[in-house]
Protein backbone atom coordinates (compact mmCIF):
# COMPACT_ATOMS: atom_id res chain seq x y z
CA PRO A 1 82.89 123.63 119.19
CA THR A 2 84.65 120.20 121.03
CA PRO A 3 83.36 117.34 119.21
CA SER A 4 83.83 119.14 116.15
CA ALA A 5 87.57 119.73 116.40
CA PRO A 6 88.28 116.13 117.01
CA ASN A 7 85.99 115.19 114.43
CA PRO A 8 87.77 116.42 111.56
CA PRO A 9 91.48 116.15 111.94
CA VAL A 10 90.78 112.24 112.74
CA GLN A 11 89.00 111.92 109.54
CA PRO A 12 91.65 113.50 107.34
CA ALA A 13 94.22 112.53 108.91
CA PRO A 14 95.07 109.08 108.40
CA GLU A 15 93.23 109.26 104.73
CA LYS A 16 95.80 112.04 103.41
CA PRO A 17 99.68 109.85 105.41
CA SER A 18 98.20 106.95 104.19
CA LEU A 19 98.06 107.46 99.95
CA ARG A 20 100.89 109.70 100.10
CA PRO A 21 103.79 107.06 100.63
CA SER A 22 101.48 104.81 98.71
CA LYS A 23 102.00 106.56 95.41
CA ARG A 24 105.76 107.19 95.69
CA PRO A 25 108.01 105.82 93.87
CA ASP A 26 110.52 106.14 96.23
CA LEU A 27 109.44 103.38 98.67
CA PRO A 28 108.73 100.48 96.70
CA LYS A 29 111.89 101.16 94.49
CA PRO A 30 114.15 101.36 97.55
CA GLY A 31 112.21 99.04 99.31
CA ASN A 32 114.33 95.79 97.89
CA LEU A 33 117.95 97.48 99.05
CA PRO A 34 116.60 98.25 102.31
CA THR A 35 115.43 94.55 103.03
CA GLN A 36 118.34 93.41 104.03
CA ARG A 37 119.38 96.15 106.28
CA ARG A 38 116.05 95.60 107.86
CA ILE A 39 116.79 92.79 108.89
CA ALA A 40 119.64 93.84 110.06
CA SER A 41 118.92 96.99 112.14
CA ASN A 42 115.54 94.68 113.78
C-alpha cells in the first residue's frame, strides 16, 4: 500500500487544479486590471 498511496494523489492533484482556474472566467476577466498592480507588487 506504500507505492499505491503516492501514485493516485500525484496524477489527479496537478490535473484538477490546472483545469479549474483555466475554465473560470474570473481569472482572465480581472487579469487586465491587475496587470499594473502585479508589476508594482513585484
